[in-house]
Amino acid sequence: TTLLKVLASEDITHITPTQGFNIKSVQSSGFKLNVWDIGGQRKIRPYWRNYFEHTDVLIYVIDSSDHKRFDETNQ
């Protein structure tokens, strides 16, 4: 969420976890990116695969301050 907000030149003072998903189009240096910010809650993870069709790039971001996430990522 923070990365998406930075790309869109939005305020990052107050960030809350994404519930579900958030879509933004970001233009920079002649490129247009359609960015999907998908929440990481366990209950929505089975739906992640629905967002991967026709995807050119996947950037997987985790909260580095949450050490439990590192273990989950390895699974």
PDB file of N, CA and C in Angstrom:
ATOM      1  N   THR A   1       0.829  -1.190   0.000  1.00  0.00           N
ATOM      2  CA  THR A   1       0.000   0.000   0.000  1.00  0.00           C
ATOM      3  C   THR A   1       0.871   1.250   0.000  1.00  0.00           C
ATOM      4  N   THR A   2       1.897   1.248   0.834  1.00  0.00           N
ATOM      5  CA  THR A   2       2.793   2.406   0.888  1.00  0.00           C
ATOM      6  C   THR A   2       3.485   2.616  -0.452  1.00  0.00           C
ATOM      7  N   LEU A   3       3.971   1.557  -1.060  1.00  0.00           N
ATOM      8  CA  LEU A   3       4.638   1.662  -2.352  1.00  0.00           C
ATOM      9  C   LEU A   3       3.700   2.251  -3.406  1.00  0.00           C
ATOM     10  N   LEU A   4       2.469   1.794  -3.442  1.00  0.00           N
ATOM     11  CA  LEU A   4       1.488   2.317  -4.395  1.00  0.00           C
ATOM     12  C   LEU A   4       1.228   3.794  -4.157  1.00  0.00           C
ATOM     13  N   LYS A   5       1.078   4.180  -2.907  1.00  0.00           N
ATOM     14  CA  LYS A   5       0.839   5.589  -2.588  1.00  0.00           C
ATOM     15  C   LYS A   5       2.029   6.472  -2.976  1.00  0.00           C
ATOM     16  N   VAL A   6       3.235   5.977  -2.780  1.00  0.00           N
ATOM     17  CA  VAL A   6       4.420   6.742  -3.181  1.00  0.00           C
ATOM     18  C   VAL A   6       4.446   6.909  -4.705  1.00  0.00           C
ATOM     19  N   LEU A   7       4.170   5.838  -5.445  1.00  0.00           N
ATOM     20  CA  LEU A   7       4.139   5.921  -6.906  1.00  0.00           C
ATOM     21  C   LEU A   7       3.091   6.910  -7.399  1.00  0.00           C
ATOM     22  N   ALA A   8       1.977   7.015  -6.663  1.00  0.00           N
ATOM     23  CA  ALA A   8       0.892   7.923  -7.037  1.00  0.00           C
ATOM     24  C   ALA A   8       1.062   9.309  -6.422  1.00  0.00           C
ATOM     25  N   SER A   9       2.199   9.562  -5.782  1.00  0.00           N
ATOM     26  CA  SER A   9       2.486  10.854  -5.122  1.00  0.00           C
ATOM     27  C   SER A   9       1.420  11.227  -4.095  1.00  0.00           C
ATOM     28  N   GLU A  10       0.967  10.238  -3.337  1.00  0.00           N
ATOM     29  CA  GLU A  10      -0.039  10.461  -2.300  1.00  0.00           C
ATOM     30  C   GLU A  10       0.618  10.494  -0.923  1.00  0.00           C
ATOM     31  N   ASP A  11      -0.088  11.050   0.035  1.00  0.00           N
ATOM     32  CA  ASP A  11       0.390  11.153   1.414  1.00  0.00           C
ATOM     33  C   ASP A  11       0.520   9.760   2.033  1.00  0.00           C
ATOM     34  N   ILE A  12       1.649   9.506   2.675  1.00  0.00           N
ATOM     35  CA  ILE A  12       1.862   8.203   3.325  1.00  0.00           C
ATOM     36  C   ILE A  12       1.957   8.339   4.840  1.00  0.00           C
ATOM     37  N   THR A  13       1.429   9.432   5.361  1.00  0.00           N
ATOM     38  CA  THR A  13       1.485   9.658   6.800  1.00  0.00           C
ATOM     39  C   THR A  13       0.691   8.610   7.565  1.00  0.00           C
ATOM     40  N   HIS A  14      -0.491   8.280   7.082  1.00  0.00           N
ATOM     41  CA  HIS A  14      -1.367   7.312   7.756  1.00  0.00           C
ATOM     42  C   HIS A  14      -1.703   6.192   6.776  1.00  0.00           C
ATOM     43  N   ILE A  15      -1.112   5.041   6.998  1.00  0.00           N
ATOM     44  CA  ILE A  15      -1.333   3.883   6.139  1.00  0.00           C
ATOM     45  C   ILE A  15      -2.107   2.836   6.930  1.00  0.00           C
ATOM     46  N   THR A  16      -3.154   2.306   6.325  1.00  0.00           N
ATOM     47  CA  THR A  16      -3.897   1.204   6.934  1.00  0.00           C
ATOM     48  C   THR A  16      -3.802   0.002   5.998  1.00  0.00           C
ATOM     49  N   PRO A  17      -3.856  -1.213   6.532  1.00  0.00           N
ATOM     50  CA  PRO A  17      -3.776  -2.397   5.680  1.00  0.00           C
ATOM     51  C   PRO A  17      -4.906  -2.420   4.650  1.00  0.00           C
ATOM     52  N   THR A  18      -4.574  -2.901   3.467  1.00  0.00           N
ATOM     53  CA  THR A  18      -5.564  -3.012   2.398  1.00  0.00           C
ATOM     54  C   THR A  18      -6.554  -4.108   2.741  1.00  0.00           C
ATOM     55  N   GLN A  19      -7.815  -3.793   2.689  1.00  0.00           N
ATOM     56  CA  GLN A  19      -8.888  -4.766   2.873  1.00  0.00           C
ATOM     57  C   GLN A  19      -9.420  -5.086   1.482  1.00  0.00           C
ATOM     58  N   GLY A  20      -9.206  -6.306   1.014  1.00  0.00           N
ATOM     59  CA  GLY A  20      -9.604  -6.637  -0.352  1.00  0.00           C
ATOM     60  C   GLY A  20      -8.528  -6.179  -1.316  1.00  0.00           C
ATOM     61  N   PHE A  21      -8.886  -5.251  -2.226  1.00  0.00           N
ATOM     62  CA  PHE A  21      -7.892  -4.771  -3.173  1.00  0.00           C
ATOM     63  C   PHE A  21      -8.133  -3.309  -3.516  1.00  0.00           C
ATOM     64  N   ASN A  22      -7.106  -2.688  -4.063  1.00  0.00           N
ATOM     65  CA  ASN A  22      -7.134  -1.286  -4.447  1.00  0.00           C
ATOM     66  C   ASN A  22      -6.440  -1.193  -5.803  1.00  0.00           C
ATOM     67  N   ILE A  23      -7.032  -0.487  -6.750  1.00  0.00           N
ATOM     68  CA  ILE A  23      -6.471  -0.361  -8.093  1.00  0.00           C
ATOM     69  C   ILE A  23      -6.162   1.104  -8.375  1.00  0.00           C
ATOM     70  N   LYS A  24      -4.985   1.353  -8.922  1.00  0.00           N
ATOM     71  CA  LYS A  24      -4.612   2.716  -9.328  1.00  0.00           C
ATOM     72  C   LYS A  24      -3.865   2.644 -10.649  1.00  0.00           C
ATOM     73  N   SER A  25      -4.067   3.649 -11.482  1.00  0.00           N
ATOM     74  CA  SER A  25      -3.261   3.826 -12.686  1.00  0.00           C
ATOM     75  C   SER A  25      -2.261   4.928 -12.389  1.00  0.00           C
ATOM     76  N   VAL A  26      -1.000   4.642 -12.629  1.00  0.00           N
ATOM     77  CA  VAL A  26       0.077   5.584 -12.338  1.00  0.00           C
ATOM     78  C   VAL A  26       0.838   5.844 -13.633  1.00  0.00           C
ATOM     79  N   GLN A  27       1.043   7.117 -13.968  1.00  0.00           N
ATOM     80  CA  GLN A  27       1.808   7.467 -15.159  1.00  0.00           C
ATOM     81  C   GLN A  27       3.111   8.141 -14.746  1.00  0.00           C
ATOM     82  N   SER A  28       4.199   7.705 -15.388  1.00  0.00           N
ATOM     83  CA  SER A  28       5.505   8.280 -15.089  1.00  0.00           C
ATOM     84  C   SER A  28       6.442   8.005 -16.255  1.00  0.00           C
ATOM     85  N   SER A  29       7.163   8.993 -16.683  1.00  0.00           N
ATOM     86  CA  SER A  29       8.172   8.849 -17.741  1.00  0.00           C
ATOM     87  C   SER A  29       7.628   8.168 -18.992  1.00  0.00           C
ATOM     88  N   GLY A  30       6.404   8.492 -19.369  1.00  0.00           N
ATOM     89  CA  GLY A  30       5.815   7.923 -20.573  1.00  0.00           C
ATOM     90  C   GLY A  30       5.241   6.533 -20.411  1.00  0.00           C
ATOM     91  N   PHE A  31       5.266   5.991 -19.215  1.00  0.00           N
ATOM     92  CA  PHE A  31       4.708   4.668 -18.948  1.00  0.00           C
ATOM     93  C   PHE A  31       3.432   4.804 -18.143  1.00  0.00           C
ATOM     94  N   LYS A  32       2.490   3.909 -18.410  1.00  0.00           N
ATOM     95  CA  LYS A  32       1.276   3.842 -17.600  1.00  0.00           C
ATOM     96  C   LYS A  32       1.263   2.477 -16.922  1.00  0.00           C
ATOM     97  N   LEU A  33       1.175   2.491 -15.604  1.00  0.00           N
ATOM     98  CA  LEU A  33       1.108   1.255 -14.830  1.00  0.00           C
ATOM     99  C   LEU A  33      -0.272   1.124 -14.216  1.00  0.00           C
ATOM    100  N   ASN A  34      -0.892  -0.021 -14.414  1.00  0.00           N
ATOM    101  CA  ASN A  34      -2.120  -0.343 -13.698  1.00  0.00           C
ATOM    102  C   ASN A  34      -1.691  -1.207 -12.521  1.00  0.00           C
ATOM    103  N   VAL A  35      -1.776  -0.649 -11.330  1.00  0.00           N
ATOM    104  CA  VAL A  35      -1.252  -1.301 -10.133  1.00  0.00           C
ATOM    105  C   VAL A  35      -2.405  -1.804  -9.281  1.00  0.00           C
ATOM    106  N   TRP A  36      -2.325  -3.074  -8.929  1.00  0.00           N
ATOM    107  CA  TRP A  36      -3.319  -3.698  -8.057  1.00  0.00           C
ATOM    108  C   TRP A  36      -2.654  -3.957  -6.714  1.00  0.00           C
ATOM    109  N   ASP A  37      -3.159  -3.333  -5.695  1.00  0.00           N
ATOM    110  CA  ASP A  37      -2.682  -3.527  -4.325  1.00  0.00           C
ATOM    111  C   ASP A  37      -3.645  -4.516  -3.682  1.00  0.00           C
ATOM    112  N   ILE A  38      -3.169  -5.724  -3.427  1.00  0.00           N
ATOM    113  CA  ILE A  38      -4.037  -6.785  -2.907  1.00  0.00           C
ATOM    114  C   ILE A  38      -3.678  -7.051  -1.454  1.00  0.00           C
ATOM    115  N   GLY A  39      -4.676  -7.051  -0.592  1.00  0.00           N
ATOM    116  CA  GLY A  39      -4.465  -7.277   0.834  1.00  0.00           C
ATOM    117  C   GLY A  39      -3.887  -8.648   1.118  1.00  0.00           C
ATOM    118  N   GLY A  40      -3.226  -8.774   2.256  1.00  0.00           N
ATOM    119  CA  GLY A  40      -2.549 -10.018   2.594  1.00  0.00           C
ATOM    120  C   GLY A  40      -3.227 -10.854   3.658  1.00  0.00           C
ATOM    121  N   GLN A  41      -4.442 -10.513   4.040  1.00  0.00           N
ATOM    122  CA  GLN A  41      -5.114 -11.280   5.085  1.00  0.00           C
ATOM    123  C   GLN A  41      -5.344 -12.720   4.623  1.00  0.00           C
ATOM    124  N   ARG A  42      -5.207 -13.653   5.563  1.00  0.00           N
ATOM    125  CA  ARG A  42      -5.360 -15.080   5.238  1.00  0.00           C
ATOM    126  C   ARG A  42      -6.669 -15.387   4.522  1.00  0.00           C
ATOM    127  N   LYS A  43      -7.750 -14.746   4.935  1.00  0.00           N
ATOM    128  CA  LYS A  43      -9.061 -15.085   4.368  1.00  0.00           C
ATOM    129  C   LYS A  43      -9.193 -14.714   2.892  1.00  0.00           C
ATOM    130  N   ILE A  44      -8.367 -13.780   2.401  1.00  0.00           N
ATOM    131  CA  ILE A  44      -8.476 -13.419   0.982  1.00  0.00           C
ATOM    132  C   ILE A  44      -7.360 -14.017   0.128  1.00  0.00           C
ATOM    133  N   ARG A  45      -6.396 -14.672   0.716  1.00  0.00           N
ATOM    134  CA  ARG A  45      -5.286 -15.249  -0.054  1.00  0.00           C
ATOM    135  C   ARG A  45      -5.732 -16.247  -1.111  1.00  0.00           C
ATOM    136  N   PRO A  46      -6.766 -17.063  -0.864  1.00  0.00           N
ATOM    137  CA  PRO A  46      -7.208 -17.976  -1.927  1.00  0.00           C
ATOM    138  C   PRO A  46      -7.670 -17.246  -3.194  1.00  0.00           C
ATOM    139  N   TYR A  47      -8.000 -15.982  -3.090  1.00  0.00           N
ATOM    140  CA  TYR A  47      -8.481 -15.215  -4.242  1.00  0.00           C
ATOM    141  C   TYR A  47      -7.358 -14.537  -5.016  1.00  0.00           C
ATOM    142  N   TRP A  48      -6.148 -14.547  -4.486  1.00  0.00           N
ATOM    143  CA  TRP A  48      -5.031 -13.880  -5.154  1.00  0.00           C
ATOM    144  C   TRP A  48      -4.886 -14.324  -6.599  1.00  0.00           C
ATOM    145  N   ARG A  49      -5.030 -15.627  -6.870  1.00  0.00           N
ATOM    146  CA  ARG A  49      -4.805 -16.140  -8.215  1.00  0.00           C
ATOM    147  C   ARG A  49      -5.730 -15.511  -9.243  1.00  0.00           C
ATOM    148  N   ASN A  50      -6.867 -14.965  -8.787  1.00  0.00           N
ATOM    149  CA  ASN A  50      -7.797 -14.312  -9.707  1.00  0.00           C
ATOM    150  C   ASN A  50      -7.224 -13.029 -10.305  1.00  0.00           C
ATOM    151  N   TYR A  51      -6.196 -12.494  -9.708  1.00  0.00           N
ATOM    152  CA  TYR A  51      -5.634 -11.222 -10.161  1.00  0.00           C
ATOM    153  C   TYR A  51      -4.385 -11.384 -11.019  1.00  0.00           C
ATOM    154  N   PHE A  52      -3.905 -12.596 -11.231  1.00  0.00           N
ATOM    155  CA  PHE A  52      -2.636 -12.804 -11.920  1.00  0.00           C
ATOM    156  C   PHE A  52      -2.749 -12.935 -13.434  1.00  0.00           C
ATOM    157  N   GLU A  53      -3.943 -13.204 -13.967  1.00  0.00           N
ATOM    158  CA  GLU A  53      -4.098 -13.384 -15.407  1.00  0.00           C
ATOM    159  C   GLU A  53      -3.703 -12.103 -16.143  1.00  0.00           C
ATOM    160  N   HIS A  54      -2.958 -12.252 -17.206  1.00  0.00           N
ATOM    161  CA  HIS A  54      -2.481 -11.131 -18.035  1.00  0.00           C
ATOM    162  C   HIS A  54      -1.578 -10.177 -17.249  1.00  0.00           C
ATOM    163  N   THR A  55      -0.868 -10.696 -16.273  1.00  0.00           N
ATOM    164  CA  THR A  55       0.049  -9.887 -15.470  1.00  0.00           C
ATOM    165  C   THR A  55       1.443  -9.948 -16.084  1.00  0.00           C
ATOM    166  N   ASP A  56       2.065  -8.797 -16.239  1.00  0.00           N
ATOM    167  CA  ASP A  56       3.421  -8.741 -16.775  1.00  0.00           C
ATOM    168  C   ASP A  56       4.475  -8.758 -15.675  1.00  0.00           C
ATOM    169  N   VAL A  57       4.152  -8.188 -14.529  1.00  0.00           N
ATOM    170  CA  VAL A  57       5.108  -8.104 -13.425  1.00  0.00           C
ATOM    171  C   VAL A  57       4.369  -8.325 -12.111  1.00  0.00           C
ATOM    172  N   LEU A  58       4.990  -9.051 -11.208  1.00  0.00           N
ATOM    173  CA  LEU A  58       4.445  -9.242  -9.871  1.00  0.00           C
ATOM    174  C   LEU A  58       5.496  -8.786  -8.869  1.00  0.00           C
ATOM    175  N   ILE A  59       5.120  -7.869  -8.002  1.00  0.00           N
ATOM    176  CA  ILE A  59       6.006  -7.418  -6.930  1.00  0.00           C
ATOM    177  C   ILE A  59       5.352  -7.840  -5.624  1.00  0.00           C
ATOM    178  N   TYR A  60       6.020  -8.732  -4.913  1.00  0.00           N
ATOM    179  CA  TYR A  60       5.484  -9.278  -3.669  1.00  0.00           C
ATOM    180  C   TYR A  60       6.142  -8.537  -2.515  1.00  0.00           C
ATOM    181  N   VAL A  61       5.365  -7.812  -1.743  1.00  0.00           N
ATOM    182  CA  VAL A  61       5.890  -6.982  -0.661  1.00  0.00           C
ATOM    183  C   VAL A  61       5.332  -7.482   0.666  1.00  0.00           C
ATOM    184  N   ILE A  62       6.200  -7.602   1.661  1.00  0.00           N
ATOM    185  CA  ILE A  62       5.744  -7.970   2.999  1.00  0.00           C
ATOM    186  C   ILE A  62       6.209  -6.918   3.997  1.00  0.00           C
ATOM    187  N   ASP A  63       5.548  -6.890   5.131  1.00  0.00           N
ATOM    188  CA  ASP A  63       5.892  -5.960   6.208  1.00  0.00           C
ATOM    189  C   ASP A  63       7.143  -6.482   6.908  1.00  0.00           C
ATOM    190  N   SER A  64       8.255  -5.795   6.726  1.00  0.00           N
ATOM    191  CA  SER A  64       9.520  -6.272   7.286  1.00  0.00           C
ATOM    192  C   SER A  64       9.574  -6.184   8.807  1.00  0.00           C
ATOM    193  N   SER A  65       8.653  -5.464   9.408  1.00  0.00           N
ATOM    194  CA  SER A  65       8.644  -5.376  10.871  1.00  0.00           C
ATOM    195  C   SER A  65       7.834  -6.507  11.503  1.00  0.00           C
ATOM    196  N   ASP A  66       7.142  -7.298  10.682  1.00  0.00           N
ATOM    197  CA  ASP A  66       6.327  -8.405  11.175  1.00  0.00           C
ATOM    198  C   ASP A  66       7.060  -9.716  10.865  1.00  0.00           C
ATOM    199  N   HIS A  67       7.832 -10.199  11.822  1.00  0.00           N
ATOM    200  CA  HIS A  67       8.676 -11.371  11.602  1.00  0.00           C
ATOM    201  C   HIS A  67       7.879 -12.639  11.305  1.00  0.00           C
ATOM    202  N   LYS A  68       6.626 -12.726  11.736  1.00  0.00           N
ATOM    203  CA  LYS A  68       5.793 -13.885  11.416  1.00  0.00           C
ATOM    204  C   LYS A  68       5.537 -13.972   9.915  1.00  0.00           C
ATOM    205  N   ARG A  69       5.501 -12.830   9.251  1.00  0.00           N
ATOM    206  CA  ARG A  69       5.265 -12.806   7.799  1.00  0.00           C
ATOM    207  C   ARG A  69       6.392 -13.497   7.037  1.00  0.00           C
ATOM    208  N   PHE A  70       7.624 -13.403   7.542  1.00  0.00           N
ATOM    209  CA  PHE A  70       8.738 -14.068   6.877  1.00  0.00           C
ATOM    210  C   PHE A  70       8.513 -15.575   6.854  1.00  0.00           C
ATOM    211  N   ASP A  71       8.077 -16.149   7.969  1.00  0.00           N
ATOM    212  CA  ASP A  71       7.805 -17.583   8.029  1.00  0.00           C
ATOM    213  C   ASP A  71       6.665 -17.955   7.091  1.00  0.00           C
ATOM    214  N   GLU A  72       5.609 -17.141   7.058  1.00  0.00           N
ATOM    215  CA  GLU A  72       4.471 -17.416   6.180  1.00  0.00           C
ATOM    216  C   GLU A  72       4.882 -17.359   4.713  1.00  0.00           C
ATOM    217  N   THR A  73       5.766 -16.455   4.380  1.00  0.00           N
ATOM    218  CA  THR A  73       6.203 -16.289   2.997  1.00  0.00           C
ATOM    219  C   THR A  73       6.923 -17.530   2.493  1.00  0.00           C
ATOM    220  N   ASN A  74       7.632 -18.213   3.361  1.00  0.00           N
ATOM    221  CA  ASN A  74       8.358 -19.419   2.967  1.00  0.00           C
ATOM    222  C   ASN A  74       7.445 -20.610   2.720  1.00  0.00           C
ATOM    223  N   GLN A  75       6.209 -20.539   3.124  1.00  0.00           N
ATOM    224  CA  GLN A  75       5.297 -21.681   2.984  1.00  0.00           C
ATOM    225  C   GLN A  75       4.735 -21.782   1.593  1.00  0.00           C
TER     226      GLN A  75
END
